[in-house]
Amino acid sequence: RTSNNYAMAWFRQTPGKEREFVAGITWSSGVTNYADFVKGR
């Protein structure tokens, strides 16, 4: 990584299903985003 202009995320996937977003964070400012099914956990 050569700058802070990145958003990092976790996805997950099970067999036969599409990859789905779990959570993410911006490297520079720490803004976060969560899928509803993981909020609070």
Full PDB file with SEQRES, HELIX, SHEET, SSBOND, CRYST1, ORIGX, SCALE, CONECT and MASTER records, all heavy atoms in Angstrom:
SEQRES   1 A   41  ARG THR SER ASN ASN TYR ALA MET ALA TRP PHE ARG GLN          
SEQRES   2 A   41  THR PRO GLY LYS GLU ARG GLU PHE VAL ALA GLY ILE THR          
SEQRES   3 A   41  TRP SER SER GLY VAL THR ASN TYR ALA ASP PHE VAL LYS          
SEQRES   4 A   41  GLY ARG                                                      
HELIX    1 AA1 ASP A   36  VAL A   38  5                                   3    
SHEET    1 AA1 3 ALA A   7  ARG A  12  0                                        
SHEET    2 AA1 3 GLU A  20  THR A  26 -1                                        
SHEET    3 AA1 3 THR A  32  TYR A  34 -1                                        
CRYST1    1.000    1.000    1.000  90.00  90.00  90.00 P 1           1          
ORIGX1      1.000000  0.000000  0.000000        0.00000                         
ORIGX2      0.000000  1.000000  0.000000        0.00000                         
ORIGX3      0.000000  0.000000  1.000000        0.00000                         
SCALE1      1.000000  0.000000  0.000000        0.00000                         
SCALE2      0.000000  1.000000  0.000000        0.00000                         
SCALE3      0.000000  0.000000  1.000000        0.00000                         
ATOM      1  N   ARG A   1       0.855  -1.198   0.000  1.00  0.00           N  
ATOM      2  CA  ARG A   1       0.000   0.000   0.000  1.00  0.00           C  
ATOM      3  C   ARG A   1       0.886   1.242   0.000  1.00  0.00           C  
ATOM      4  O   ARG A   1       1.769   1.368   0.829  1.00  0.00           O  
ATOM      5  CB  ARG A   1      -0.891  -0.045   1.235  1.00  0.00           C  
ATOM      6  CG  ARG A   1      -1.858   1.100   1.395  1.00  0.00           C  
ATOM      7  CD  ARG A   1      -2.786   0.840   2.585  1.00  0.00           C  
ATOM      8  NE  ARG A   1      -2.057   0.757   3.841  1.00  0.00           N  
ATOM      9  CZ  ARG A   1      -1.819   1.783   4.642  1.00  0.00           C  
ATOM     10  NH1 ARG A   1      -2.234   2.985   4.280  1.00  0.00           N  
ATOM     11  NH2 ARG A   1      -1.152   1.619   5.778  1.00  0.00           N  
ATOM     12  N   THR A   2       0.624   2.186  -0.916  1.00  0.00           N  
ATOM     13  CA  THR A   2       1.472   3.371  -1.036  1.00  0.00           C  
ATOM     14  C   THR A   2       0.762   4.648  -0.607  1.00  0.00           C  
ATOM     15  O   THR A   2       1.352   5.724  -0.664  1.00  0.00           O  
ATOM     16  CB  THR A   2       1.957   3.534  -2.482  1.00  0.00           C  
ATOM     17  OG1 THR A   2       0.815   3.622  -3.347  1.00  0.00           O  
ATOM     18  CG2 THR A   2       2.819   2.351  -2.899  1.00  0.00           C  
ATOM     19  N   SER A   3      -0.482   4.546  -0.198  1.00  0.00           N  
ATOM     20  CA  SER A   3      -1.214   5.723   0.268  1.00  0.00           C  
ATOM     21  C   SER A   3      -2.278   5.257   1.255  1.00  0.00           C  
ATOM     22  O   SER A   3      -2.426   4.059   1.510  1.00  0.00           O  
ATOM     23  CB  SER A   3      -1.880   6.442  -0.897  1.00  0.00           C  
ATOM     24  OG  SER A   3      -3.006   5.709  -1.357  1.00  0.00           O  
ATOM     25  N   ASN A   4      -3.029   6.222   1.792  1.00  0.00           N  
ATOM     26  CA  ASN A   4      -4.147   5.902   2.684  1.00  0.00           C  
ATOM     27  C   ASN A   4      -5.480   5.926   1.960  1.00  0.00           C  
ATOM     28  O   ASN A   4      -6.533   5.826   2.581  1.00  0.00           O  
ATOM     29  CB  ASN A   4      -4.190   6.890   3.852  1.00  0.00           C  
ATOM     30  CG  ASN A   4      -3.103   6.625   4.864  1.00  0.00           C  
ATOM     31  OD1 ASN A   4      -2.639   5.501   5.007  1.00  0.00           O  
ATOM     32  ND2 ASN A   4      -2.689   7.658   5.573  1.00  0.00           N  
ATOM     33  N   ASN A   5      -5.454   6.037   0.643  1.00  0.00           N  
ATOM     34  CA  ASN A   5      -6.690   6.119  -0.133  1.00  0.00           C  
ATOM     35  C   ASN A   5      -7.268   4.731  -0.417  1.00  0.00           C  
ATOM     36  O   ASN A   5      -7.449   4.328  -1.569  1.00  0.00           O  
ATOM     37  CB  ASN A   5      -6.446   6.842  -1.452  1.00  0.00           C  
ATOM     38  CG  ASN A   5      -5.987   8.258  -1.245  1.00  0.00           C  
ATOM     39  OD1 ASN A   5      -6.095   8.803  -0.155  1.00  0.00           O  
ATOM     40  ND2 ASN A   5      -5.453   8.861  -2.289  1.00  0.00           N  
ATOM     41  N   TYR A   6      -7.505   4.010   0.674  1.00  0.00           N  
ATOM     42  CA  TYR A   6      -8.035   2.660   0.543  1.00  0.00           C  
ATOM     43  C   TYR A   6      -9.230   2.475   1.473  1.00  0.00           C  
ATOM     44  O   TYR A   6      -9.274   3.015   2.573  1.00  0.00           O  
ATOM     45  CB  TYR A   6      -6.981   1.611   0.914  1.00  0.00           C  
ATOM     46  CG  TYR A   6      -5.937   1.396  -0.147  1.00  0.00           C  
ATOM     47  CD1 TYR A   6      -4.791   2.176  -0.180  1.00  0.00           C  
ATOM     48  CD2 TYR A   6      -6.104   0.420  -1.119  1.00  0.00           C  
ATOM     49  CE1 TYR A   6      -3.839   1.989  -1.155  1.00  0.00           C  
ATOM     50  CE2 TYR A   6      -5.154   0.221  -2.093  1.00  0.00           C  
ATOM     51  CZ  TYR A   6      -4.012   1.012  -2.108  1.00  0.00           C  
ATOM     52  OH  TYR A   6      -3.066   0.817  -3.078  1.00  0.00           O  
ATOM     53  N   ALA A   7     -10.162   1.714   0.981  1.00  0.00           N  
ATOM     54  CA  ALA A   7     -11.213   1.176   1.832  1.00  0.00           C  
ATOM     55  C   ALA A   7     -10.957  -0.320   1.943  1.00  0.00           C  
ATOM     56  O   ALA A   7     -10.742  -0.990   0.927  1.00  0.00           O  
ATOM     57  CB  ALA A   7     -12.590   1.436   1.240  1.00  0.00           C  
ATOM     58  N   MET A   8     -10.961  -0.815   3.150  1.00  0.00           N  
ATOM     59  CA  MET A   8     -10.722  -2.235   3.412  1.00  0.00           C  
ATOM     60  C   MET A   8     -12.023  -2.885   3.839  1.00  0.00           C  
ATOM     61  O   MET A   8     -12.813  -2.282   4.582  1.00  0.00           O  
ATOM     62  CB  MET A   8      -9.678  -2.401   4.520  1.00  0.00           C  
ATOM     63  CG  MET A   8      -8.366  -1.691   4.260  1.00  0.00           C  
ATOM     64  SD  MET A   8      -7.530  -2.294   2.794  1.00  0.00           S  
ATOM     65  CE  MET A   8      -7.344  -4.023   3.187  1.00  0.00           C  
ATOM     66  N   ALA A   9     -12.231  -4.097   3.402  1.00  0.00           N  
ATOM     67  CA  ALA A   9     -13.490  -4.765   3.727  1.00  0.00           C  
ATOM     68  C   ALA A   9     -13.291  -6.252   3.934  1.00  0.00           C  
ATOM     69  O   ALA A   9     -12.311  -6.837   3.461  1.00  0.00           O  
ATOM     70  CB  ALA A   9     -14.510  -4.532   2.619  1.00  0.00           C  
ATOM     71  N   TRP A  10     -14.228  -6.830   4.648  1.00  0.00           N  
ATOM     72  CA  TRP A  10     -14.327  -8.275   4.786  1.00  0.00           C  
ATOM     73  C   TRP A  10     -15.599  -8.732   4.085  1.00  0.00           C  
ATOM     74  O   TRP A  10     -16.670  -8.157   4.284  1.00  0.00           O  
ATOM     75  CB  TRP A  10     -14.381  -8.685   6.254  1.00  0.00           C  
ATOM     76  CG  TRP A  10     -13.080  -8.544   6.961  1.00  0.00           C  
ATOM     77  CD1 TRP A  10     -12.647  -7.480   7.691  1.00  0.00           C  
ATOM     78  CD2 TRP A  10     -12.017  -9.503   7.006  1.00  0.00           C  
ATOM     79  NE1 TRP A  10     -11.389  -7.711   8.199  1.00  0.00           N  
ATOM     80  CE2 TRP A  10     -10.986  -8.960   7.795  1.00  0.00           C  
ATOM     81  CE3 TRP A  10     -11.845 -10.784   6.479  1.00  0.00           C  
ATOM     82  CZ2 TRP A  10      -9.784  -9.645   8.057  1.00  0.00           C  
ATOM     83  CZ3 TRP A  10     -10.662 -11.471   6.732  1.00  0.00           C  
ATOM     84  CH2 TRP A  10      -9.645 -10.893   7.514  1.00  0.00           C  
ATOM     85  N   PHE A  11     -15.438  -9.753   3.274  1.00  0.00           N  
ATOM     86  CA  PHE A  11     -16.558 -10.438   2.630  1.00  0.00           C  
ATOM     87  C   PHE A  11     -16.543 -11.884   3.099  1.00  0.00           C  
ATOM     88  O   PHE A  11     -15.549 -12.360   3.624  1.00  0.00           O  
ATOM     89  CB  PHE A  11     -16.405 -10.391   1.104  1.00  0.00           C  
ATOM     90  CG  PHE A  11     -16.671  -9.050   0.489  1.00  0.00           C  
ATOM     91  CD1 PHE A  11     -15.736  -8.031   0.573  1.00  0.00           C  
ATOM     92  CD2 PHE A  11     -17.855  -8.810  -0.186  1.00  0.00           C  
ATOM     93  CE1 PHE A  11     -15.979  -6.785   0.001  1.00  0.00           C  
ATOM     94  CE2 PHE A  11     -18.116  -7.572  -0.766  1.00  0.00           C  
ATOM     95  CZ  PHE A  11     -17.167  -6.562  -0.668  1.00  0.00           C  
ATOM     96  N   ARG A  12     -17.637 -12.572   2.860  1.00  0.00           N  
ATOM     97  CA  ARG A  12     -17.663 -13.999   3.148  1.00  0.00           C  
ATOM     98  C   ARG A  12     -18.438 -14.734   2.069  1.00  0.00           C  
ATOM     99  O   ARG A  12     -19.285 -14.152   1.392  1.00  0.00           O  
ATOM    100  CB  ARG A  12     -18.255 -14.268   4.530  1.00  0.00           C  
ATOM    101  CG  ARG A  12     -19.738 -13.996   4.659  1.00  0.00           C  
ATOM    102  CD  ARG A  12     -20.171 -14.165   6.118  1.00  0.00           C  
ATOM    103  NE  ARG A  12     -21.615 -14.079   6.275  1.00  0.00           N  
ATOM    104  CZ  ARG A  12     -22.229 -14.075   7.456  1.00  0.00           C  
ATOM    105  NH1 ARG A  12     -21.538 -14.152   8.595  1.00  0.00           N  
ATOM    106  NH2 ARG A  12     -23.547 -14.004   7.512  1.00  0.00           N  
ATOM    107  N   GLN A  13     -18.129 -16.020   1.956  1.00  0.00           N  
ATOM    108  CA  GLN A  13     -18.766 -16.816   0.912  1.00  0.00           C  
ATOM    109  C   GLN A  13     -18.913 -18.252   1.378  1.00  0.00           C  
ATOM    110  O   GLN A  13     -17.999 -18.829   1.982  1.00  0.00           O  
ATOM    111  CB  GLN A  13     -17.941 -16.768  -0.373  1.00  0.00           C  
ATOM    112  CG  GLN A  13     -18.609 -17.390  -1.578  1.00  0.00           C  
ATOM    113  CD  GLN A  13     -17.849 -17.104  -2.849  1.00  0.00           C  
ATOM    114  OE1 GLN A  13     -16.642 -16.858  -2.844  1.00  0.00           O  
ATOM    115  NE2 GLN A  13     -18.558 -17.120  -3.972  1.00  0.00           N  
ATOM    116  N   THR A  14     -20.073 -18.824   1.060  1.00  0.00           N  
ATOM    117  CA  THR A  14     -20.322 -20.240   1.306  1.00  0.00           C  
ATOM    118  C   THR A  14     -20.568 -20.915  -0.037  1.00  0.00           C  
ATOM    119  O   THR A  14     -20.943 -20.245  -1.013  1.00  0.00           O  
ATOM    120  CB  THR A  14     -21.532 -20.442   2.233  1.00  0.00           C  
ATOM    121  OG1 THR A  14     -22.660 -19.745   1.678  1.00  0.00           O  
ATOM    122  CG2 THR A  14     -21.254 -19.894   3.626  1.00  0.00           C  
ATOM    123  N   PRO A  15     -20.377 -22.224  -0.113  1.00  0.00           N  
ATOM    124  CA  PRO A  15     -20.541 -22.925  -1.402  1.00  0.00           C  
ATOM    125  C   PRO A  15     -21.905 -22.692  -2.019  1.00  0.00           C  
ATOM    126  O   PRO A  15     -22.936 -22.798  -1.349  1.00  0.00           O  
ATOM    127  CB  PRO A  15     -20.349 -24.394  -1.011  1.00  0.00           C  
ATOM    128  CG  PRO A  15     -19.461 -24.348   0.183  1.00  0.00           C  
ATOM    129  CD  PRO A  15     -19.895 -23.127   0.950  1.00  0.00           C  
ATOM    130  N   GLY A  16     -21.891 -22.338  -3.300  1.00  0.00           N  
ATOM    131  CA  GLY A  16     -23.133 -22.144  -4.029  1.00  0.00           C  
ATOM    132  C   GLY A  16     -23.766 -20.781  -3.858  1.00  0.00           C  
ATOM    133  O   GLY A  16     -24.817 -20.513  -4.449  1.00  0.00           O  
ATOM    134  N   LYS A  17     -23.151 -19.941  -3.058  1.00  0.00           N  
ATOM    135  CA  LYS A  17     -23.704 -18.601  -2.831  1.00  0.00           C  
ATOM    136  C   LYS A  17     -22.717 -17.535  -3.295  1.00  0.00           C  
ATOM    137  O   LYS A  17     -21.511 -17.770  -3.378  1.00  0.00           O  
ATOM    138  CB  LYS A  17     -24.047 -18.399  -1.348  1.00  0.00           C  
ATOM    139  CG  LYS A  17     -25.183 -19.263  -0.857  1.00  0.00           C  
ATOM    140  CD  LYS A  17     -25.601 -18.856   0.544  1.00  0.00           C  
ATOM    141  CE  LYS A  17     -26.809 -19.641   1.016  1.00  0.00           C  
ATOM    142  NZ  LYS A  17     -27.253 -19.217   2.376  1.00  0.00           N  
ATOM    143  N   GLU A  18     -23.252 -16.349  -3.559  1.00  0.00           N  
ATOM    144  CA  GLU A  18     -22.395 -15.248  -3.949  1.00  0.00           C  
ATOM    145  C   GLU A  18     -21.642 -14.706  -2.735  1.00  0.00           C  
ATOM    146  O   GLU A  18     -22.093 -14.820  -1.594  1.00  0.00           O  
ATOM    147  CB  GLU A  18     -23.235 -14.131  -4.577  1.00  0.00           C  
ATOM    148  CG  GLU A  18     -23.827 -14.487  -5.921  1.00  0.00           C  
ATOM    149  CD  GLU A  18     -24.495 -13.294  -6.588  1.00  0.00           C  
ATOM    150  OE1 GLU A  18     -24.541 -12.228  -5.963  1.00  0.00           O  
ATOM    151  OE2 GLU A  18     -24.959 -13.449  -7.724  1.00  0.00           O  
ATOM    152  N   ARG A  19     -20.506 -14.118  -3.025  1.00  0.00           N  
ATOM    153  CA  ARG A  19     -19.731 -13.476  -1.967  1.00  0.00           C  
ATOM    154  C   ARG A  19     -20.518 -12.278  -1.434  1.00  0.00           C  
ATOM    155  O   ARG A  19     -21.060 -11.496  -2.213  1.00  0.00           O  
ATOM    156  CB  ARG A  19     -18.378 -13.046  -2.522  1.00  0.00           C  
ATOM    157  CG  ARG A  19     -17.318 -12.761  -1.503  1.00  0.00           C  
ATOM    158  CD  ARG A  19     -15.962 -12.676  -2.157  1.00  0.00           C  
ATOM    159  NE  ARG A  19     -15.523 -13.962  -2.709  1.00  0.00           N  
ATOM    160  CZ  ARG A  19     -14.291 -14.170  -3.180  1.00  0.00           C  
ATOM    161  NH1 ARG A  19     -13.401 -13.181  -3.166  1.00  0.00           N  
ATOM    162  NH2 ARG A  19     -13.970 -15.341  -3.678  1.00  0.00           N  
ATOM    163  N   GLU A  20     -20.587 -12.139  -0.099  1.00  0.00           N  
ATOM    164  CA  GLU A  20     -21.377 -11.064   0.476  1.00  0.00           C  
ATOM    165  C   GLU A  20     -20.535 -10.186   1.393  1.00  0.00           C  
ATOM    166  O   GLU A  20     -19.617 -10.658   2.080  1.00  0.00           O  
ATOM    167  CB  GLU A  20     -22.582 -11.607   1.253  1.00  0.00           C  
ATOM    168  CG  GLU A  20     -22.248 -12.470   2.451  1.00  0.00           C  
ATOM    169  CD  GLU A  20     -23.502 -12.958   3.175  1.00  0.00           C  
ATOM    170  OE1 GLU A  20     -24.631 -12.572   2.790  1.00  0.00           O  
ATOM    171  OE2 GLU A  20     -23.346 -13.719   4.159  1.00  0.00           O  
ATOM    172  N   PHE A  21     -20.878  -8.918   1.410  1.00  0.00           N  
ATOM    173  CA  PHE A  21     -20.192  -7.925   2.232  1.00  0.00           C  
ATOM    174  C   PHE A  21     -20.513  -8.167   3.693  1.00  0.00           C  
ATOM    175  O   PHE A  21     -21.658  -8.416   4.062  1.00  0.00           O  
ATOM    176  CB  PHE A  21     -20.651  -6.532   1.815  1.00  0.00           C  
ATOM    177  CG  PHE A  21     -20.106  -5.423   2.654  1.00  0.00           C  
ATOM    178  CD1 PHE A  21     -18.853  -4.893   2.412  1.00  0.00           C  
ATOM    179  CD2 PHE A  21     -20.859  -4.891   3.692  1.00  0.00           C  
ATOM    180  CE1 PHE A  21     -18.352  -3.864   3.183  1.00  0.00           C  
ATOM    181  CE2 PHE A  21     -20.374  -3.852   4.469  1.00  0.00           C  
ATOM    182  CZ  PHE A  21     -19.117  -3.337   4.212  1.00  0.00           C  
ATOM    183  N   VAL A  22     -19.482  -8.053   4.538  1.00  0.00           N  
ATOM    184  CA  VAL A  22     -19.648  -8.217   5.977  1.00  0.00           C  
ATOM    185  C   VAL A  22     -19.414  -6.889   6.705  1.00  0.00           C  
ATOM    186  O   VAL A  22     -20.264  -6.414   7.457  1.00  0.00           O  
ATOM    187  CB  VAL A  22     -18.691  -9.285   6.529  1.00  0.00           C  
ATOM    188  CG1 VAL A  22     -18.810  -9.382   8.050  1.00  0.00           C  
ATOM    189  CG2 VAL A  22     -18.953 -10.642   5.881  1.00  0.00           C  
ATOM    190  N   ALA A  23     -18.255  -6.298   6.476  1.00  0.00           N  
ATOM    191  CA  ALA A  23     -17.896  -5.055   7.163  1.00  0.00           C  
ATOM    192  C   ALA A  23     -16.749  -4.397   6.420  1.00  0.00           C  
ATOM    193  O   ALA A  23     -15.986  -5.063   5.721  1.00  0.00           O  
ATOM    194  CB  ALA A  23     -17.500  -5.316   8.607  1.00  0.00           C  
ATOM    195  N   GLY A  24     -16.625  -3.076   6.590  1.00  0.00           N  
ATOM    196  CA  GLY A  24     -15.540  -2.362   5.939  1.00  0.00           C  
ATOM    197  C   GLY A  24     -15.139  -1.127   6.712  1.00  0.00           C  
ATOM    198  O   GLY A  24     -15.893  -0.641   7.574  1.00  0.00           O  
ATOM    199  N   ILE A  25     -13.950  -0.614   6.402  1.00  0.00           N  
ATOM    200  CA  ILE A  25     -13.426   0.572   7.071  1.00  0.00           C  
ATOM    201  C   ILE A  25     -12.529   1.334   6.113  1.00  0.00           C  
ATOM    202  O   ILE A  25     -11.792   0.736   5.328  1.00  0.00           O  
ATOM    203  CB  ILE A  25     -12.648   0.157   8.351  1.00  0.00           C  
ATOM    204  CG1 ILE A  25     -12.236   1.369   9.172  1.00  0.00           C  
ATOM    205  CG2 ILE A  25     -11.419  -0.700   8.004  1.00  0.00           C  
ATOM    206  CD1 ILE A  25     -11.739   1.011  10.567  1.00  0.00           C  
ATOM    207  N   THR A  26     -12.608   2.660   6.155  1.00  0.00           N  
ATOM    208  CA  THR A  26     -11.697   3.465   5.339  1.00  0.00           C  
ATOM    209  C   THR A  26     -10.385   3.615   6.084  1.00  0.00           C  
ATOM    210  O   THR A  26     -10.368   3.870   7.288  1.00  0.00           O  
ATOM    211  CB  THR A  26     -12.289   4.856   5.048  1.00  0.00           C  
ATOM    212  OG1 THR A  26     -12.537   5.525   6.292  1.00  0.00           O  
ATOM    213  CG2 THR A  26     -13.584   4.761   4.267  1.00  0.00           C  
ATOM    214  N   TRP A  27      -9.302   3.451   5.347  1.00  0.00           N  
ATOM    215  CA  TRP A  27      -8.007   3.459   6.023  1.00  0.00           C  
ATOM    216  C   TRP A  27      -7.686   4.827   6.610  1.00  0.00           C  
ATOM    217  O   TRP A  27      -7.164   4.931   7.714  1.00  0.00           O  
ATOM    218  CB  TRP A  27      -6.903   3.041   5.048  1.00  0.00           C  
ATOM    219  CG  TRP A  27      -5.702   2.556   5.795  1.00  0.00           C  
ATOM    220  CD1 TRP A  27      -4.747   3.334   6.402  1.00  0.00           C  
ATOM    221  CD2 TRP A  27      -5.354   1.199   6.056  1.00  0.00           C  
ATOM    222  NE1 TRP A  27      -3.830   2.529   7.028  1.00  0.00           N  
ATOM    223  CE2 TRP A  27      -4.167   1.219   6.834  1.00  0.00           C  
ATOM    224  CE3 TRP A  27      -5.923  -0.021   5.716  1.00  0.00           C  
ATOM    225  CZ2 TRP A  27      -3.557   0.067   7.261  1.00  0.00           C  
ATOM    226  CZ3 TRP A  27      -5.295  -1.180   6.145  1.00  0.00           C  
ATOM    227  CH2 TRP A  27      -4.133  -1.129   6.898  1.00  0.00           C  
ATOM    228  N   SER A  28      -7.998   5.882   5.898  1.00  0.00           N  
ATOM    229  CA  SER A  28      -7.574   7.214   6.342  1.00  0.00           C  
ATOM    230  C   SER A  28      -8.438   7.768   7.470  1.00  0.00           C  
ATOM    231  O   SER A  28      -7.919   8.318   8.434  1.00  0.00           O  
ATOM    232  CB  SER A  28      -7.594   8.173   5.162  1.00  0.00           C  
ATOM    233  OG  SER A  28      -8.903   8.241   4.625  1.00  0.00           O  
ATOM    234  N   SER A  29      -9.750   7.632   7.359  1.00  0.00           N  
ATOM    235  CA  SER A  29     -10.626   8.305   8.306  1.00  0.00           C  
ATOM    236  C   SER A  29     -11.324   7.366   9.287  1.00  0.00           C  
ATOM    237  O   SER A  29     -11.938   7.821  10.246  1.00  0.00           O  
ATOM    238  CB  SER A  29     -11.692   9.094   7.552  1.00  0.00           C  
ATOM    239  OG  SER A  29     -12.435   8.224   6.713  1.00  0.00           O  
ATOM    240  N   GLY A  30     -11.243   6.082   9.054  1.00  0.00           N  
ATOM    241  CA  GLY A  30     -11.860   5.132   9.976  1.00  0.00           C  
ATOM    242  C   GLY A  30     -13.367   5.033   9.876  1.00  0.00           C  
ATOM    243  O   GLY A  30     -14.012   4.498  10.788  1.00  0.00           O  
ATOM    244  N   VAL A  31     -13.938   5.517   8.787  1.00  0.00           N  
ATOM    245  CA  VAL A  31     -15.379   5.362   8.587  1.00  0.00           C  
ATOM    246  C   VAL A  31     -15.689   3.874   8.405  1.00  0.00           C  
ATOM    247  O   VAL A  31     -14.994   3.178   7.667  1.00  0.00           O  
ATOM    248  CB  VAL A  31     -15.840   6.153   7.350  1.00  0.00           C  
ATOM    249  CG1 VAL A  31     -17.290   5.832   7.013  1.00  0.00           C  
ATOM    250  CG2 VAL A  31     -15.657   7.646   7.587  1.00  0.00           C  
ATOM    251  N   THR A  32     -16.736   3.400   9.074  1.00  0.00           N  
ATOM    252  CA  THR A  32     -17.068   1.977   8.996  1.00  0.00           C  
ATOM    253  C   THR A  32     -18.443   1.751   8.374  1.00  0.00           C  
ATOM    254  O   THR A  32     -19.280   2.649   8.322  1.00  0.00           O  
ATOM    255  CB  THR A  32     -17.040   1.323  10.389  1.00  0.00           C  
ATOM    256  OG1 THR A  32     -17.969   2.001  11.248  1.00  0.00           O  
ATOM    257  CG2 THR A  32     -15.641   1.377  10.995  1.00  0.00           C  
ATOM    258  N   ASN A  33     -18.640   0.533   7.930  1.00  0.00           N  
ATOM    259  CA  ASN A  33     -19.914   0.120   7.364  1.00  0.00           C  
ATOM    260  C   ASN A  33     -20.094  -1.351   7.682  1.00  0.00           C  
ATOM    261  O   ASN A  33     -19.133  -2.129   7.564  1.00  0.00           O  
ATOM    262  CB  ASN A  33     -19.924   0.353   5.843  1.00  0.00           C  
ATOM    263  CG  ASN A  33     -21.298   0.179   5.236  1.00  0.00           C  
ATOM    264  OD1 ASN A  33     -22.289   0.063   5.944  1.00  0.00           O  
ATOM    265  ND2 ASN A  33     -21.363   0.194   3.917  1.00  0.00           N  
ATOM    266  N   TYR A  34     -21.283  -1.739   8.105  1.00  0.00           N  
ATOM    267  CA  TYR A  34     -21.545  -3.122   8.494  1.00  0.00           C  
ATOM    268  C   TYR A  34     -22.796  -3.642   7.812  1.00  0.00           C  
ATOM    269  O   TYR A  34     -23.772  -2.900   7.619  1.00  0.00           O  
ATOM    270  CB  TYR A  34     -21.754  -3.244  10.006  1.00  0.00           C  
ATOM    271  CG  TYR A  34     -20.530  -2.956  10.838  1.00  0.00           C  
ATOM    272  CD1 TYR A  34     -20.276  -1.688  11.332  1.00  0.00           C  
ATOM    273  CD2 TYR A  34     -19.622  -3.976  11.140  1.00  0.00           C  
ATOM    274  CE1 TYR A  34     -19.152  -1.429  12.098  1.00  0.00           C  
ATOM    275  CE2 TYR A  34     -18.497  -3.727  11.907  1.00  0.00           C  
ATOM    276  CZ  TYR A  34     -18.264  -2.442  12.377  1.00  0.00           C  
ATOM    277  OH  TYR A  34     -17.156  -2.200  13.134  1.00  0.00           O  
ATOM    278  N   ALA A  35     -22.772  -4.909   7.479  1.00  0.00           N  
ATOM    279  CA  ALA A  35     -23.993  -5.569   7.032  1.00  0.00           C  
ATOM    280  C   ALA A  35     -24.936  -5.708   8.221  1.00  0.00           C  
ATOM    281  O   ALA A  35     -24.482  -5.868   9.364  1.00  0.00           O  
ATOM    282  CB  ALA A  35     -23.668  -6.955   6.466  1.00  0.00           C  
ATOM    283  N   ASP A  36     -26.229  -5.638   7.954  1.00  0.00           N  
ATOM    284  CA  ASP A  36     -27.205  -5.686   9.040  1.00  0.00           C  
ATOM    285  C   ASP A  36     -27.066  -6.953   9.877  1.00  0.00           C  
ATOM    286  O   ASP A  36     -27.278  -6.931  11.091  1.00  0.00           O  
ATOM    287  CB  ASP A  36     -28.629  -5.597   8.471  1.00  0.00           C  
ATOM    288  CG  ASP A  36     -28.952  -4.194   7.978  1.00  0.00           C  
ATOM    289  OD1 ASP A  36     -28.248  -3.248   8.369  1.00  0.00           O  
ATOM    290  OD2 ASP A  36     -29.920  -4.053   7.207  1.00  0.00           O  
ATOM    291  N   PHE A  37     -26.708  -8.062   9.249  1.00  0.00           N  
ATOM    292  CA  PHE A  37     -26.690  -9.336   9.974  1.00  0.00           C  
ATOM    293  C   PHE A  37     -25.508  -9.462  10.943  1.00  0.00           C  
ATOM    294  O   PHE A  37     -25.427 -10.433  11.685  1.00  0.00           O  
ATOM    295  CB  PHE A  37     -26.725 -10.523   9.004  1.00  0.00           C  
ATOM    296  CG  PHE A  37     -25.640 -10.528   7.962  1.00  0.00           C  
ATOM    297  CD1 PHE A  37     -24.360 -10.942   8.255  1.00  0.00           C  
ATOM    298  CD2 PHE A  37     -25.934 -10.115   6.672  1.00  0.00           C  
ATOM    299  CE1 PHE A  37     -23.365 -10.951   7.292  1.00  0.00           C  
ATOM    300  CE2 PHE A  37     -24.943 -10.117   5.687  1.00  0.00           C  
ATOM    301  CZ  PHE A  37     -23.659 -10.534   5.998  1.00  0.00           C  
ATOM    302  N   VAL A  38     -24.572  -8.494  10.945  1.00  0.00           N  
ATOM    303  CA  VAL A  38     -23.463  -8.553  11.892  1.00  0.00           C  
ATOM    304  C   VAL A  38     -23.421  -7.365  12.849  1.00  0.00           C  
ATOM    305  O   VAL A  38     -22.596  -7.323  13.760  1.00  0.00           O  
ATOM    306  CB  VAL A  38     -22.093  -8.687  11.191  1.00  0.00           C  
ATOM    307  CG1 VAL A  38     -22.053  -9.923  10.330  1.00  0.00           C  
ATOM    308  CG2 VAL A  38     -21.740  -7.420  10.415  1.00  0.00           C  
ATOM    309  N   LYS A  39     -24.305  -6.414  12.645  1.00  0.00           N  
ATOM    310  CA  LYS A  39     -24.303  -5.230  13.511  1.00  0.00           C  
ATOM    311  C   LYS A  39     -24.511  -5.632  14.968  1.00  0.00           C  
ATOM    312  O   LYS A  39     -25.404  -6.398  15.291  1.00  0.00           O  
ATOM    313  CB  LYS A  39     -25.389  -4.256  13.069  1.00  0.00           C  
ATOM    314  CG  LYS A  39     -25.026  -3.468  11.822  1.00  0.00           C  
ATOM    315  CD  LYS A  39     -26.118  -2.472  11.446  1.00  0.00           C  
ATOM    316  CE  LYS A  39     -25.730  -1.693  10.199  1.00  0.00           C  
ATOM    317  NZ  LYS A  39     -26.792  -0.763   9.771  1.00  0.00           N  
ATOM    318  N   GLY A  40     -23.655  -5.102  15.821  1.00  0.00           N  
ATOM    319  CA  GLY A  40     -23.732  -5.424  17.240  1.00  0.00           C  
ATOM    320  C   GLY A  40     -22.941  -6.652  17.629  1.00  0.00           C  
ATOM    321  O   GLY A  40     -22.750  -6.908  18.827  1.00  0.00           O  
ATOM    322  N   ARG A  41     -22.486  -7.430  16.655  1.00  0.00           N  
ATOM    323  CA  ARG A  41     -21.708  -8.640  16.948  1.00  0.00           C  
ATOM    324  C   ARG A  41     -20.270  -8.552  16.442  1.00  0.00           C  
ATOM    325  O   ARG A  41     -19.355  -9.050  17.093  1.00  0.00           O  
ATOM    326  CB  ARG A  41     -22.378  -9.866  16.325  1.00  0.00           C  
ATOM    327  CG  ARG A  41     -23.776 -10.155  16.832  1.00  0.00           C  
ATOM    328  CD  ARG A  41     -24.263 -11.523  16.355  1.00  0.00           C  
ATOM    329  NE  ARG A  41     -24.313 -11.617  14.901  1.00  0.00           N  
ATOM    330  CZ  ARG A  41     -23.734 -12.589  14.201  1.00  0.00           C  
ATOM    331  NH1 ARG A  41     -23.062 -13.536  14.807  1.00  0.00           N  
ATOM    332  NH2 ARG A  41     -23.855 -12.621  12.874  1.00  0.00           N  
TER     333      ARG A  41                                                      
MASTER        0    0    0    1    3    0    0    6  332    1    0    4          
END                                                                             
